[in-house]
Structures are given as structure tokens and as C-alpha cells.
Amino acid sequence: MPAKRKSIKSNLEKVDALRDKDIDYSDIPATDAGFWKNAKVVMPPQKVHLSVRFDRDVVEWFKRDGAGYQTKMNAVLRAYAAAHDDSQRSRTSNTKKTRAA
């Protein structure tokens, strides 16, 4: 059985307790207008509500890390689709590859 992950709650409480003046920003460069010049808002594709059935062990594997398991399942399915479908590749990369006939 895999080792149980340590909760990050105590670390988050420490971060929440920090005051802005106590945070060292010296290793983070300031951003200027040039940094944001070519920034674009990219909206994620709309989700579809769907009822599906998965093997229990598969769901337990994704759930073992806690919240976000459905997002992880979606990411795995998207990666599989992108690897096997040219139309998905065009959405996930800048270069469109063609499949050999």
C-alpha cells in the first residue's frame, strides 16, 4: 500500500499567517507592460455533464490524491485523444501532424 501523503493544511496555515511585508520577493522580477503585451485570455472548453462507469480500482487510483481526481481523469483522456486523433492535436499543440495512411 502506498505511503499516505502528508497534508498540506499546516503549511497553508503558515502561509496564510504571513504578512505581506514578511514575504521576500527579491527573486521574483517585477512585470511591466511588455510582459503583458501579448497576453491572451484562454477560456477552457465547456464541460459536458456525463454519467460514466469506471472500474473501482481505476477510480480509487485517481482518488488517492484527493480533490481534483475528475480533472486528472479528464487530462489523461485528453492526452490519449490527442495522441490518437489529429483534430485533438490541433487543439493541444501549435503544430498539426498528419497521420500516415
PDB file of N, CA and C in Angstrom:
ATOM      1  N   MET A   1       0.844  -1.183   0.000  1.00  0.00           N
ATOM      2  CA  MET A   1       0.000   0.000   0.000  1.00  0.00           C
ATOM      3  C   MET A   1       0.888   1.245   0.000  1.00  0.00           C
ATOM      4  N   PRO A   2       0.602   2.245  -0.857  1.00  0.00           N
ATOM      5  CA  PRO A   2       1.448   3.422  -0.931  1.00  0.00           C
ATOM      6  C   PRO A   2       1.396   4.225   0.370  1.00  0.00           C
ATOM      7  N   ALA A   3       2.496   4.918   0.660  1.00  0.00           N
ATOM      8  CA  ALA A   3       2.547   5.747   1.855  1.00  0.00           C
ATOM      9  C   ALA A   3       1.543   6.883   1.741  1.00  0.00           C
ATOM     10  N   LYS A   4       0.895   7.211   2.849  1.00  0.00           N
ATOM     11  CA  LYS A   4      -0.090   8.293   2.849  1.00  0.00           C
ATOM     12  C   LYS A   4       0.627   9.636   2.747  1.00  0.00           C
ATOM     13  N   ARG A   5       0.120  10.492   1.889  1.00  0.00           N
ATOM     14  CA  ARG A   5       0.733  11.807   1.709  1.00  0.00           C
ATOM     15  C   ARG A   5       0.441  12.691   2.915  1.00  0.00           C
ATOM     16  N   LYS A   6       1.426  13.510   3.259  1.00  0.00           N
ATOM     17  CA  LYS A   6       1.279  14.456   4.345  1.00  0.00           C
ATOM     18  C   LYS A   6       0.337  15.571   3.908  1.00  0.00           C
ATOM     19  N   SER A   7      -0.546  15.966   4.789  1.00  0.00           N
ATOM     20  CA  SER A   7      -1.481  17.041   4.481  1.00  0.00           C
ATOM     21  C   SER A   7      -0.738  18.365   4.359  1.00  0.00           C
ATOM     22  N   ILE A   8      -1.157  19.189   3.426  1.00  0.00           N
ATOM     23  CA  ILE A   8      -0.528  20.496   3.262  1.00  0.00           C
ATOM     24  C   ILE A   8      -1.236  21.561   4.098  1.00  0.00           C
ATOM     25  N   LYS A   9      -2.273  21.154   4.834  1.00  0.00           N
ATOM     26  CA  LYS A   9      -3.064  22.115   5.596  1.00  0.00           C
ATOM     27  C   LYS A   9      -2.203  22.948   6.537  1.00  0.00           C
ATOM     28  N   SER A  10      -1.268  22.305   7.265  1.00  0.00           N
ATOM     29  CA  SER A  10      -0.437  23.050   8.211  1.00  0.00           C
ATOM     30  C   SER A  10       0.442  24.061   7.480  1.00  0.00           C
ATOM     31  N   ASN A  11       0.959  23.701   6.304  1.00  0.00           N
ATOM     32  CA  ASN A  11       1.762  24.644   5.528  1.00  0.00           C
ATOM     33  C   ASN A  11       0.912  25.805   5.026  1.00  0.00           C
ATOM     34  N   LEU A  12      -0.305  25.523   4.615  1.00  0.00           N
ATOM     35  CA  LEU A  12      -1.180  26.591   4.148  1.00  0.00           C
ATOM     36  C   LEU A  12      -1.524  27.547   5.277  1.00  0.00           C
ATOM     37  N   GLU A  13      -1.694  27.021   6.473  1.00  0.00           N
ATOM     38  CA  GLU A  13      -1.971  27.885   7.629  1.00  0.00           C
ATOM     39  C   GLU A  13      -0.785  28.818   7.888  1.00  0.00           C
ATOM     40  N   LYS A  14       0.443  28.310   7.731  1.00  0.00           N
ATOM     41  CA  LYS A  14       1.635  29.148   7.915  1.00  0.00           C
ATOM     42  C   LYS A  14       1.682  30.238   6.841  1.00  0.00           C
ATOM     43  N   VAL A  15       1.382  29.880   5.616  1.00  0.00           N
ATOM     44  CA  VAL A  15       1.388  30.861   4.523  1.00  0.00           C
ATOM     45  C   VAL A  15       0.305  31.910   4.751  1.00  0.00           C
ATOM     46  N   ASP A  16      -0.885  31.470   5.144  1.00  0.00           N
ATOM     47  CA  ASP A  16      -1.980  32.408   5.412  1.00  0.00           C
ATOM     48  C   ASP A  16      -1.631  33.394   6.530  1.00  0.00           C
ATOM     49  N   ALA A  17      -0.806  32.952   7.484  1.00  0.00           N
ATOM     50  CA  ALA A  17      -0.442  33.804   8.617  1.00  0.00           C
ATOM     51  C   ALA A  17       0.613  34.838   8.253  1.00  0.00           C
ATOM     52  N   LEU A  18       1.294  34.665   7.127  1.00  0.00           N
ATOM     53  CA  LEU A  18       2.323  35.626   6.722  1.00  0.00           C
ATOM     54  C   LEU A  18       1.714  36.981   6.402  1.00  0.00           C
ATOM     55  N   ARG A  19       2.447  38.020   6.780  1.00  0.00           N
ATOM     56  CA  ARG A  19       2.049  39.379   6.391  1.00  0.00           C
ATOM     57  C   ARG A  19       2.785  39.723   5.106  1.00  0.00           C
ATOM     58  N   ASP A  20       2.208  40.560   4.273  1.00  0.00           N
ATOM     59  CA  ASP A  20       2.831  40.930   3.000  1.00  0.00           C
ATOM     60  C   ASP A  20       4.255  41.434   3.197  1.00  0.00           C
ATOM     61  N   LYS A  21       4.477  42.222   4.238  1.00  0.00           N
ATOM     62  CA  LYS A  21       5.812  42.796   4.446  1.00  0.00           C
ATOM     63  C   LYS A  21       6.843  41.729   4.831  1.00  0.00           C
ATOM     64  N   ASP A  22       6.394  40.526   5.234  1.00  0.00           N
ATOM     65  CA  ASP A  22       7.310  39.453   5.617  1.00  0.00           C
ATOM     66  C   ASP A  22       7.688  38.537   4.450  1.00  0.00           C
ATOM     67  N   ILE A  23       7.105  38.760   3.300  1.00  0.00           N
ATOM     68  CA  ILE A  23       7.367  37.913   2.134  1.00  0.00           C
ATOM     69  C   ILE A  23       8.539  38.483   1.346  1.00  0.00           C
ATOM     70  N   ASP A  24       9.514  37.627   1.044  1.00  0.00           N
ATOM     71  CA  ASP A  24      10.697  38.033   0.285  1.00  0.00           C
ATOM     72  C   ASP A  24      10.413  37.879  -1.204  1.00  0.00           C
ATOM     73  N   TYR A  25      10.300  38.998  -1.909  1.00  0.00           N
ATOM     74  CA  TYR A  25      10.034  38.997  -3.343  1.00  0.00           C
ATOM     75  C   TYR A  25      11.301  39.237  -4.166  1.00  0.00           C
ATOM     76  N   SER A  26      12.469  39.200  -3.545  1.00  0.00           N
ATOM     77  CA  SER A  26      13.702  39.586  -4.225  1.00  0.00           C
ATOM     78  C   SER A  26      14.048  38.688  -5.410  1.00  0.00           C
ATOM     79  N   ASP A  27      13.571  37.450  -5.414  1.00  0.00           N
ATOM     80  CA  ASP A  27      13.901  36.549  -6.527  1.00  0.00           C
ATOM     81  C   ASP A  27      12.814  36.525  -7.593  1.00  0.00           C
ATOM     82  N   ILE A  28      11.834  37.408  -7.482  1.00  0.00           N
ATOM     83  CA  ILE A  28      10.737  37.468  -8.450  1.00  0.00           C
ATOM     84  C   ILE A  28      10.814  38.814  -9.181  1.00  0.00           C
ATOM     85  N   PRO A  29      11.136  38.803 -10.459  1.00  0.00           N
ATOM     86  CA  PRO A  29      11.245  40.086 -11.172  1.00  0.00           C
ATOM     87  C   PRO A  29       9.872  40.748 -11.317  1.00  0.00           C
ATOM     88  N   ALA A  30       9.884  42.062 -11.276  1.00  0.00           N
ATOM     89  CA  ALA A  30       8.645  42.817 -11.473  1.00  0.00           C
ATOM     90  C   ALA A  30       8.201  42.685 -12.923  1.00  0.00           C
ATOM     91  N   THR A  31       6.904  42.727 -13.140  1.00  0.00           N
ATOM     92  CA  THR A  31       6.387  42.689 -14.512  1.00  0.00           C
ATOM     93  C   THR A  31       6.088  44.112 -14.962  1.00  0.00           C
ATOM     94  N   ASP A  32       6.244  44.338 -16.253  1.00  0.00           N
ATOM     95  CA  ASP A  32       5.929  45.640 -16.819  1.00  0.00           C
ATOM     96  C   ASP A  32       4.939  45.451 -17.969  1.00  0.00           C
ATOM     97  N   ALA A  33       4.613  46.508 -18.656  1.00  0.00           N
ATOM     98  CA  ALA A  33       3.644  46.434 -19.751  1.00  0.00           C
ATOM     99  C   ALA A  33       4.101  45.469 -20.845  1.00  0.00           C
ATOM    100  N   GLY A  34       5.406  45.379 -21.071  1.00  0.00           N
ATOM    101  CA  GLY A  34       5.930  44.470 -22.086  1.00  0.00           C
ATOM    102  C   GLY A  34       5.648  43.012 -21.769  1.00  0.00           C
ATOM    103  N   PHE A  35       5.656  42.681 -20.497  1.00  0.00           N
ATOM    104  CA  PHE A  35       5.368  41.311 -20.083  1.00  0.00           C
ATOM    105  C   PHE A  35       3.940  40.915 -20.471  1.00  0.00           C
ATOM    106  N   TRP A  36       3.014  41.849 -20.354  1.00  0.00           N
ATOM    107  CA  TRP A  36       1.595  41.572 -20.605  1.00  0.00           C
ATOM    108  C   TRP A  36       1.160  41.911 -22.027  1.00  0.00           C
ATOM    109  N   LYS A  37       2.073  42.462 -22.839  1.00  0.00           N
ATOM    110  CA  LYS A  37       1.724  42.947 -24.182  1.00  0.00           C
ATOM    111  C   LYS A  37       1.010  41.890 -25.029  1.00  0.00           C
ATOM    112  N   ASN A  38       1.505  40.672 -25.056  1.00  0.00           N
ATOM    113  CA  ASN A  38       0.931  39.624 -25.908  1.00  0.00           C
ATOM    114  C   ASN A  38       0.077  38.624 -25.129  1.00  0.00           C
ATOM    115  N   ALA A  39      -0.276  38.969 -23.897  1.00  0.00           N
ATOM    116  CA  ALA A  39      -1.080  38.061 -23.079  1.00  0.00           C
ATOM    117  C   ALA A  39      -2.485  37.918 -23.667  1.00  0.00           C
ATOM    118  N   LYS A  40      -2.999  36.717 -23.613  1.00  0.00           N
ATOM    119  CA  LYS A  40      -4.344  36.444 -24.113  1.00  0.00           C
ATOM    120  C   LYS A  40      -5.108  35.630 -23.074  1.00  0.00           C
ATOM    121  N   VAL A  41      -6.378  35.916 -22.938  1.00  0.00           N
ATOM    122  CA  VAL A  41      -7.231  35.121 -22.062  1.00  0.00           C
ATOM    123  C   VAL A  41      -7.675  33.898 -22.853  1.00  0.00           C
ATOM    124  N   VAL A  42      -7.411  32.730 -22.325  1.00  0.00           N
ATOM    125  CA  VAL A  42      -7.796  31.485 -22.985  1.00  0.00           C
ATOM    126  C   VAL A  42      -8.812  30.782 -22.100  1.00  0.00           C
ATOM    127  N   MET A  43     -10.015  30.689 -22.592  1.00  0.00           N
ATOM    128  CA  MET A  43     -11.076  30.044 -21.827  1.00  0.00           C
ATOM    129  C   MET A  43     -11.046  28.541 -22.090  1.00  0.00           C
ATOM    130  N   PRO A  44     -11.194  27.734 -21.042  1.00  0.00           N
ATOM    131  CA  PRO A  44     -11.219  26.282 -21.248  1.00  0.00           C
ATOM    132  C   PRO A  44     -12.491  25.887 -21.995  1.00  0.00           C
ATOM    133  N   PRO A  45     -12.443  24.754 -22.694  1.00  0.00           N
ATOM    134  CA  PRO A  45     -13.651  24.314 -23.394  1.00  0.00           C
ATOM    135  C   PRO A  45     -14.757  24.008 -22.376  1.00  0.00           C
ATOM    136  N   GLN A  46     -15.988  24.202 -22.819  1.00  0.00           N
ATOM    137  CA  GLN A  46     -17.131  23.946 -21.951  1.00  0.00           C
ATOM    138  C   GLN A  46     -17.192  22.460 -21.598  1.00  0.00           C
ATOM    139  N   LYS A  47     -17.473  22.172 -20.335  1.00  0.00           N
ATOM    140  CA  LYS A  47     -17.578  20.785 -19.877  1.00  0.00           C
ATOM    141  C   LYS A  47     -18.970  20.242 -20.202  1.00  0.00           C
ATOM    142  N   VAL A  48     -19.044  18.931 -20.344  1.00  0.00           N
ATOM    143  CA  VAL A  48     -20.303  18.243 -20.611  1.00  0.00           C
ATOM    144  C   VAL A  48     -20.577  17.336 -19.426  1.00  0.00           C
ATOM    145  N   HIS A  49     -21.777  17.430 -18.874  1.00  0.00           N
ATOM    146  CA  HIS A  49     -22.150  16.549 -17.768  1.00  0.00           C
ATOM    147  C   HIS A  49     -22.467  15.177 -18.350  1.00  0.00           C
ATOM    148  N   LEU A  50     -21.815  14.157 -17.803  1.00  0.00           N
ATOM    149  CA  LEU A  50     -21.923  12.828 -18.372  1.00  0.00           C
ATOM    150  C   LEU A  50     -21.879  11.794 -17.253  1.00  0.00           C
ATOM    151  N   SER A  51     -22.689  10.783 -17.371  1.00  0.00           N
ATOM    152  CA  SER A  51     -22.650   9.686 -16.412  1.00  0.00           C
ATOM    153  C   SER A  51     -21.903   8.521 -17.060  1.00  0.00           C
ATOM    154  N   VAL A  52     -20.803   8.108 -16.423  1.00  0.00           N
ATOM    155  CA  VAL A  52     -19.988   7.010 -16.957  1.00  0.00           C
ATOM    156  C   VAL A  52     -19.697   6.012 -15.843  1.00  0.00           C
ATOM    157  N   ARG A  53     -19.258   4.835 -16.229  1.00  0.00           N
ATOM    158  CA  ARG A  53     -18.877   3.808 -15.261  1.00  0.00           C
ATOM    159  C   ARG A  53     -17.422   3.429 -15.491  1.00  0.00           C
ATOM    160  N   PHE A  54     -16.651   3.447 -14.398  1.00  0.00           N
ATOM    161  CA  PHE A  54     -15.245   3.060 -14.431  1.00  0.00           C
ATOM    162  C   PHE A  54     -15.034   1.905 -13.472  1.00  0.00           C
ATOM    163  N   ASP A  55     -13.990   1.138 -13.696  1.00  0.00           N
ATOM    164  CA  ASP A  55     -13.638   0.084 -12.750  1.00  0.00           C
ATOM    165  C   ASP A  55     -13.277   0.719 -11.407  1.00  0.00           C
ATOM    166  N   ARG A  56     -13.685   0.058 -10.334  1.00  0.00           N
ATOM    167  CA  ARG A  56     -13.472   0.597  -8.988  1.00  0.00           C
ATOM    168  C   ARG A  56     -11.996   0.921  -8.729  1.00  0.00           C
ATOM    169  N   ASP A  57     -11.094   0.003  -9.117  1.00  0.00           N
ATOM    170  CA  ASP A  57      -9.677   0.224  -8.833  1.00  0.00           C
ATOM    171  C   ASP A  57      -9.124   1.441  -9.576  1.00  0.00           C
ATOM    172  N   VAL A  58      -9.657   1.719 -10.760  1.00  0.00           N
ATOM    173  CA  VAL A  58      -9.212   2.890 -11.521  1.00  0.00           C
ATOM    174  C   VAL A  58      -9.630   4.169 -10.792  1.00  0.00           C
ATOM    175  N   VAL A  59     -10.878   4.215 -10.360  1.00  0.00           N
ATOM    176  CA  VAL A  59     -11.377   5.395  -9.647  1.00  0.00           C
ATOM    177  C   VAL A  59     -10.608   5.577  -8.340  1.00  0.00           C
ATOM    178  N   GLU A  60     -10.376   4.495  -7.609  1.00  0.00           N
ATOM    179  CA  GLU A  60      -9.625   4.590  -6.353  1.00  0.00           C
ATOM    180  C   GLU A  60      -8.217   5.115  -6.604  1.00  0.00           C
ATOM    181  N   TRP A  61      -7.603   4.709  -7.703  1.00  0.00           N
ATOM    182  CA  TRP A  61      -6.254   5.180  -8.029  1.00  0.00           C
ATOM    183  C   TRP A  61      -6.257   6.692  -8.230  1.00  0.00           C
ATOM    184  N   PHE A  62      -7.234   7.201  -8.972  1.00  0.00           N
ATOM    185  CA  PHE A  62      -7.302   8.642  -9.208  1.00  0.00           C
ATOM    186  C   PHE A  62      -7.673   9.395  -7.930  1.00  0.00           C
ATOM    187  N   LYS A  63      -8.521   8.807  -7.097  1.00  0.00           N
ATOM    188  CA  LYS A  63      -8.973   9.473  -5.873  1.00  0.00           C
ATOM    189  C   LYS A  63      -7.931   9.475  -4.760  1.00  0.00           C
ATOM    190  N   ARG A  64      -6.905   8.671  -4.860  1.00  0.00           N
ATOM    191  CA  ARG A  64      -5.974   8.537  -3.738  1.00  0.00           C
ATOM    192  C   ARG A  64      -5.252   9.837  -3.401  1.00  0.00           C
ATOM    193  N   ASP A  65      -5.150  10.741  -4.356  1.00  0.00           N
ATOM    194  CA  ASP A  65      -4.504  12.025  -4.078  1.00  0.00           C
ATOM    195  C   ASP A  65      -5.507  13.096  -3.652  1.00  0.00           C
ATOM    196  N   GLY A  66      -6.780  12.719  -3.538  1.00  0.00           N
ATOM    197  CA  GLY A  66      -7.773  13.666  -3.042  1.00  0.00           C
ATOM    198  C   GLY A  66      -8.467  14.450  -4.137  1.00  0.00           C
ATOM    199  N   ALA A  67      -8.828  15.670  -3.783  1.00  0.00           N
ATOM    200  CA  ALA A  67      -9.604  16.534  -4.675  1.00  0.00           C
ATOM    201  C   ALA A  67      -8.924  16.698  -6.028  1.00  0.00           C
ATOM    202  N   GLY A  68      -9.732  16.851  -7.049  1.00  0.00           N
ATOM    203  CA  GLY A  68      -9.216  17.064  -8.391  1.00  0.00           C
ATOM    204  C   GLY A  68      -9.086  15.795  -9.214  1.00  0.00           C
ATOM    205  N   TYR A  69      -9.597  14.689  -8.694  1.00  0.00           N
ATOM    206  CA  TYR A  69      -9.422  13.428  -9.426  1.00  0.00           C
ATOM    207  C   TYR A  69     -10.145  13.438 -10.761  1.00  0.00           C
ATOM    208  N   GLN A  70     -11.301  14.091 -10.848  1.00  0.00           N
ATOM    209  CA  GLN A  70     -12.016  14.131 -12.121  1.00  0.00           C
ATOM    210  C   GLN A  70     -11.254  14.962 -13.149  1.00  0.00           C
ATOM    211  N   THR A  71     -10.615  16.029 -12.706  1.00  0.00           N
ATOM    212  CA  THR A  71      -9.795  16.849 -13.593  1.00  0.00           C
ATOM    213  C   THR A  71      -8.615  16.031 -14.114  1.00  0.00           C
ATOM    214  N   LYS A  72      -8.013  15.225 -13.231  1.00  0.00           N
ATOM    215  CA  LYS A  72      -6.895  14.374 -13.652  1.00  0.00           C
ATOM    216  C   LYS A  72      -7.366  13.322 -14.654  1.00  0.00           C
ATOM    217  N   MET A  73      -8.539  12.743 -14.406  1.00  0.00           N
ATOM    218  CA  MET A  73      -9.075  11.756 -15.344  1.00  0.00           C
ATOM    219  C   MET A  73      -9.303  12.416 -16.702  1.00  0.00           C
ATOM    220  N   ASN A  74      -9.822  13.633 -16.695  1.00  0.00           N
ATOM    221  CA  ASN A  74     -10.055  14.360 -17.938  1.00  0.00           C
ATOM    222  C   ASN A  74      -8.741  14.618 -18.663  1.00  0.00           C
ATOM    223  N   ALA A  75      -7.702  14.981 -17.918  1.00  0.00           N
ATOM    224  CA  ALA A  75      -6.396  15.252 -18.525  1.00  0.00           C
ATOM    225  C   ALA A  75      -5.818  13.994 -19.174  1.00  0.00           C
ATOM    226  N   VAL A  76      -5.974  12.844 -18.511  1.00  0.00           N
ATOM    227  CA  VAL A  76      -5.477  11.586 -19.083  1.00  0.00           C
ATOM    228  C   VAL A  76      -6.245  11.253 -20.359  1.00  0.00           C
ATOM    229  N   LEU A  77      -7.560  11.407 -20.316  1.00  0.00           N
ATOM    230  CA  LEU A  77      -8.367  11.130 -21.506  1.00  0.00           C
ATOM    231  C   LEU A  77      -8.026  12.096 -22.643  1.00  0.00           C
ATOM    232  N   ARG A  78      -7.796  13.364 -22.308  1.00  0.00           N
ATOM    233  CA  ARG A  78      -7.435  14.360 -23.330  1.00  0.00           C
ATOM    234  C   ARG A  78      -6.087  14.003 -23.964  1.00  0.00           C
ATOM    235  N   ALA A  79      -5.115  13.603 -23.142  1.00  0.00           N
ATOM    236  CA  ALA A  79      -3.799  13.231 -23.669  1.00  0.00           C
ATOM    237  C   ALA A  79      -3.910  12.021 -24.583  1.00  0.00           C
ATOM    238  N   TYR A  80      -4.724  11.040 -24.192  1.00  0.00           N
ATOM    239  CA  TYR A  80      -4.921   9.856 -25.032  1.00  0.00           C
ATOM    240  C   TYR A  80      -5.553  10.269 -26.360  1.00  0.00           C
ATOM    241  N   ALA A  81      -6.593  11.097 -26.290  1.00  0.00           N
ATOM    242  CA  ALA A  81      -7.270  11.545 -27.513  1.00  0.00           C
ATOM    243  C   ALA A  81      -6.309  12.325 -28.406  1.00  0.00           C
ATOM    244  N   ALA A  82      -5.494  13.187 -27.804  1.00  0.00           N
ATOM    245  CA  ALA A  82      -4.542  13.979 -28.583  1.00  0.00           C
ATOM    246  C   ALA A  82      -3.510  13.096 -29.272  1.00  0.00           C
ATOM    247  N   ALA A  83      -3.141  12.017 -28.620  1.00  0.00           N
ATOM    248  CA  ALA A  83      -2.144  11.115 -29.203  1.00  0.00           C
ATOM    249  C   ALA A  83      -2.716  10.266 -30.331  1.00  0.00           C
ATOM    250  N   HIS A  84      -4.051  10.163 -30.405  1.00  0.00           N
ATOM    251  CA  HIS A  84      -4.678   9.277 -31.377  1.00  0.00           C
ATOM    252  C   HIS A  84      -5.619   9.966 -32.356  1.00  0.00           C
ATOM    253  N   ASP A  85      -5.741  11.296 -32.268  1.00  0.00           N
ATOM    254  CA  ASP A  85      -6.706  11.996 -33.114  1.00  0.00           C
ATOM    255  C   ASP A  85      -6.123  13.335 -33.554  1.00  0.00           C
ATOM    256  N   ASP A  86      -5.960  13.521 -34.855  1.00  0.00           N
ATOM    257  CA  ASP A  86      -5.375  14.755 -35.379  1.00  0.00           C
ATOM    258  C   ASP A  86      -6.159  15.993 -34.973  1.00  0.00           C
ATOM    259  N   SER A  87      -7.491  15.912 -34.870  1.00  0.00           N
ATOM    260  CA  SER A  87      -8.270  17.098 -34.510  1.00  0.00           C
ATOM    261  C   SER A  87      -7.953  17.525 -33.085  1.00  0.00           C
ATOM    262  N   GLN A  88      -7.635  16.606 -32.191  1.00  0.00           N
ATOM    263  CA  GLN A  88      -7.250  16.957 -30.829  1.00  0.00           C
ATOM    264  C   GLN A  88      -5.845  17.547 -30.804  1.00  0.00           C
ATOM    265  N   ARG A  89      -4.974  17.053 -31.644  1.00  0.00           N
ATOM    266  CA  ARG A  89      -3.612  17.577 -31.682  1.00  0.00           C
ATOM    267  C   ARG A  89      -3.613  19.050 -32.026  1.00  0.00           C
ATOM    268  N   SER A  90      -4.488  19.458 -32.930  1.00  0.00           N
ATOM    269  CA  SER A  90      -4.502  20.857 -33.325  1.00  0.00           C
ATOM    270  C   SER A  90      -4.947  21.750 -32.175  1.00  0.00           C
ATOM    271  N   ARG A  91      -5.736  21.217 -31.229  1.00  0.00           N
ATOM    272  CA  ARG A  91      -6.162  21.997 -30.076  1.00  0.00           C
ATOM    273  C   ARG A  91      -5.087  22.065 -29.000  1.00  0.00           C
ATOM    274  N   THR A  92      -4.242  21.052 -28.918  1.00  0.00           N
ATOM    275  CA  THR A  92      -3.302  20.978 -27.815  1.00  0.00           C
ATOM    276  C   THR A  92      -1.868  21.321 -28.197  1.00  0.00           C
ATOM    277  N   SER A  93      -1.603  21.575 -29.457  1.00  0.00           N
ATOM    278  CA  SER A  93      -0.255  21.957 -29.854  1.00  0.00           C
ATOM    279  C   SER A  93      -0.316  22.927 -31.021  1.00  0.00           C
ATOM    280  N   ASN A  94       0.781  23.591 -31.272  1.00  0.00           N
ATOM    281  CA  ASN A  94       0.836  24.566 -32.363  1.00  0.00           C
ATOM    282  C   ASN A  94       1.137  23.914 -33.700  1.00  0.00           C
ATOM    283  N   THR A  95       1.625  22.697 -33.690  1.00  0.00           N
ATOM    284  CA  THR A  95       1.970  22.038 -34.946  1.00  0.00           C
ATOM    285  C   THR A  95       1.002  20.904 -35.223  1.00  0.00           C
ATOM    286  N   LYS A  96       0.385  20.958 -36.381  1.00  0.00           N
ATOM    287  CA  LYS A  96      -0.553  19.896 -36.770  1.00  0.00           C
ATOM    288  C   LYS A  96       0.209  18.824 -37.507  1.00  0.00           C
ATOM    289  N   LYS A  97       0.091  17.604 -37.015  1.00  0.00           N
ATOM    290  CA  LYS A  97       0.770  16.478 -37.636  1.00  0.00           C
ATOM    291  C   LYS A  97      -0.240  15.679 -38.418  1.00  0.00           C
ATOM    292  N   THR A  98       0.188  15.100 -39.501  1.00  0.00           N
ATOM    293  CA  THR A  98      -0.724  14.282 -40.286  1.00  0.00           C
ATOM    294  C   THR A  98      -0.396  12.817 -40.052  1.00  0.00           C
ATOM    295  N   ARG A  99      -1.434  12.005 -40.035  1.00  0.00           N
ATOM    296  CA  ARG A  99      -1.294  10.578 -39.822  1.00  0.00           C
ATOM    297  C   ARG A  99      -0.994   9.900 -41.148  1.00  0.00           C
ATOM    298  N   ALA A 100      -0.045   8.977 -41.151  1.00  0.00           N
ATOM    299  CA  ALA A 100       0.279   8.231 -42.380  1.00  0.00           C
ATOM    300  C   ALA A 100      -0.882   7.331 -42.756  1.00  0.00           C
ATOM    301  N   ALA A 101      -1.173   7.243 -44.038  1.00  0.00           N
ATOM    302  CA  ALA A 101      -2.297   6.431 -44.496  1.00  0.00           C
ATOM    303  C   ALA A 101      -1.982   4.964 -44.459  1.00  0.00           C
TER     304      ALA A 101
END
